[in-house]
């Protein structure tokens, strides 16, 4: 069934009004008719079956039915803190990370970040959120993963990472790092966060600062990965270790 996200709390018998782009998509693109079924996900992340009562280009009325089995949300929470890349690479990272099962994507600036606009995140955030929403709809997620504005401070990124049970720092230098596989086999995986650097990687001083802050410096293998590949590699490895792939 087609899946859409709404801000209203859902329960059997509740009437929901959908408007805007989603209403247009249901009525015009999908050409659905009264009596057909769709899936709606509310803020609690639990999908419900809904029956279309009426629809036009502007609004769609839906009567909610019973909740459905949640299958699209992983049991492990993974937060990706991504060094702000050049061009539009972050859009690709967001889309694919949502499809794989990330809980949150946070872009930030570091010593080797080329993009230096403090307000860039505020300008691009609506588009990033739209990409996350569309990816969540396409792949059957129960919630839309959060995309935060740019975290300008490297220290802020470290502080956010430390909130998880297993905070990781992906470092391209082999000295002082441990294989990601060994960490995933020995650490709790209920919540994982990881800092991944921009095109130029991390400065040695940043790696040392992360170590002192309590993050585990990990290696993603003997090959240097592109900045848009590394987050997806890390995410896939964590979800596999947690039995989610």
Foldseek 3Di string as FASTA:
>chain_A
DQEAEDADDDDAFDKDKDFDPVLQCVCPVVVDDFQDWHWYAYPVLWIWIWTWHDGDNGMTIIGTHHTDDADAADQFEEEEEAADEPDPLVLVLLLVLLLLHHQAYEYEHAPPRPDDDQCPQVVCVVVSQVSQRVSCRVNVTSDRRYYDGYHHDPVVVLVVQVVWQARAEEAADPPQAAAPVVCLVPTDRSYGYYYFHYQVTHDPVSVVVSVVSPHHYHYLDNDDDHSSVVVSSSSNVSCVSVVND
